[in-house]
Amino acid sequence: MKIVILIFVFLLGVGASIKKSAKDMKQLSARQELSMYKHQPNLLPEVEITAPSV
C-alpha cells in the first residue's frame, strides 16, 4: 500500500513540475516577443486626414 501512495505522490510531483515549467516557458516566450519589439520604431500605421477644413 505504501508503494502505491509513493507512486501517486511521485506522479503528482512530476505533474506539478511539468505544469510549472510550461507556465514558465509561456512567460519566457511572451517576454522574448516583447523584447523583439523594443528595438523597433512605432509600429502604428500612419493616418492622413483627408476631410476638408471648415
C-alpha atoms as a PDB file:
ATOM      1  CA  MET A   1       0.000   0.000   0.000  1.00  0.00           C
ATOM      2  CA  LYS A   2       2.887   2.338   0.801  1.00  0.00           C
ATOM      3  CA  ILE A   3       4.303   1.781  -2.688  1.00  0.00           C
ATOM      4  CA  VAL A   4       1.012   2.835  -4.283  1.00  0.00           C
ATOM      5  CA  ILE A   5       0.926   6.020  -2.205  1.00  0.00           C
ATOM      6  CA  LEU A   6       4.561   6.803  -3.075  1.00  0.00           C
ATOM      7  CA  ILE A   7       3.890   6.299  -6.785  1.00  0.00           C
ATOM      8  CA  PHE A   8       0.820   8.548  -6.555  1.00  0.00           C
ATOM      9  CA  VAL A   9       2.792  11.273  -4.764  1.00  0.00           C
ATOM     10  CA  PHE A  10       5.603  10.932  -7.310  1.00  0.00           C
ATOM     11  CA  LEU A  11       3.158  11.335 -10.199  1.00  0.00           C
ATOM     12  CA  LEU A  12       1.612  14.409  -8.554  1.00  0.00           C
ATOM     13  CA  GLY A  13       5.082  15.921  -8.132  1.00  0.00           C
ATOM     14  CA  VAL A  14       6.018  15.259 -11.752  1.00  0.00           C
ATOM     15  CA  GLY A  15       2.686  16.715 -12.941  1.00  0.00           C
ATOM     16  CA  ALA A  16       3.169  19.860 -10.869  1.00  0.00           C
ATOM     17  CA  SER A  17       6.717  20.231 -12.177  1.00  0.00           C
ATOM     18  CA  ILE A  18       5.599  19.911 -15.802  1.00  0.00           C
ATOM     19  CA  LYS A  19       2.778  22.407 -15.240  1.00  0.00           C
ATOM     20  CA  LYS A  20       5.175  24.951 -13.701  1.00  0.00           C
ATOM     21  CA  SER A  21       7.737  24.562 -16.474  1.00  0.00           C
ATOM     22  CA  ALA A  22       5.028  25.035 -19.128  1.00  0.00           C
ATOM     23  CA  LYS A  23       3.882  28.221 -17.393  1.00  0.00           C
ATOM     24  CA  ASP A  24       7.483  29.479 -17.189  1.00  0.00           C
ATOM     25  CA  MET A  25       8.053  28.749 -20.889  1.00  0.00           C
ATOM     26  CA  LYS A  26       4.902  30.686 -21.788  1.00  0.00           C
ATOM     27  CA  GLN A  27       6.053  33.699 -19.762  1.00  0.00           C
ATOM     28  CA  LEU A  28       9.537  33.496 -21.258  1.00  0.00           C
ATOM     29  CA  SER A  29       8.234  33.429 -24.818  1.00  0.00           C
ATOM     30  CA  ALA A  30       5.964  36.426 -24.130  1.00  0.00           C
ATOM     31  CA  ARG A  31       8.885  38.348 -22.617  1.00  0.00           C
ATOM     32  CA  GLN A  32      11.100  37.448 -25.585  1.00  0.00           C
ATOM     33  CA  GLU A  33       8.475  38.625 -28.079  1.00  0.00           C
ATOM     34  CA  LEU A  34       8.116  41.952 -26.256  1.00  0.00           C
ATOM     35  CA  SER A  35      11.879  42.461 -26.240  1.00  0.00           C
ATOM     36  CA  MET A  36      11.962  41.948 -30.023  1.00  0.00           C
ATOM     37  CA  TYR A  37       9.624  44.916 -30.478  1.00  0.00           C
ATOM     38  CA  LYS A  38      11.599  47.123 -28.100  1.00  0.00           C
ATOM     39  CA  HIS A  39      14.207  47.999 -30.753  1.00  0.00           C
ATOM     40  CA  GLN A  40      11.713  48.823 -33.498  1.00  0.00           C
ATOM     41  CA  PRO A  41      10.170  52.257 -34.039  1.00  0.00           C
ATOM     42  CA  ASN A  42       6.495  52.985 -33.662  1.00  0.00           C
ATOM     43  CA  LEU A  43       4.541  50.228 -35.391  1.00  0.00           C
ATOM     44  CA  LEU A  44       1.256  52.116 -35.596  1.00  0.00           C
ATOM     45  CA  PRO A  45       0.021  52.928 -39.106  1.00  0.00           C
ATOM     46  CA  GLU A  46       0.339  56.474 -40.362  1.00  0.00           C
ATOM     47  CA  VAL A  47      -3.028  58.224 -40.787  1.00  0.00           C
ATOM     48  CA  GLU A  48      -3.681  61.081 -43.214  1.00  0.00           C
ATOM     49  CA  ILE A  49      -6.646  63.375 -42.636  1.00  0.00           C
ATOM     50  CA  THR A  50      -8.405  63.997 -45.942  1.00  0.00           C
ATOM     51  CA  ALA A  51     -11.538  65.811 -44.734  1.00  0.00           C
ATOM     52  CA  PRO A  52     -11.956  69.398 -45.928  1.00  0.00           C
ATOM     53  CA  SER A  53     -11.256  72.028 -43.306  1.00  0.00           C
ATOM     54  CA  VAL A  54     -14.275  74.041 -42.201  1.00  0.00           C
END
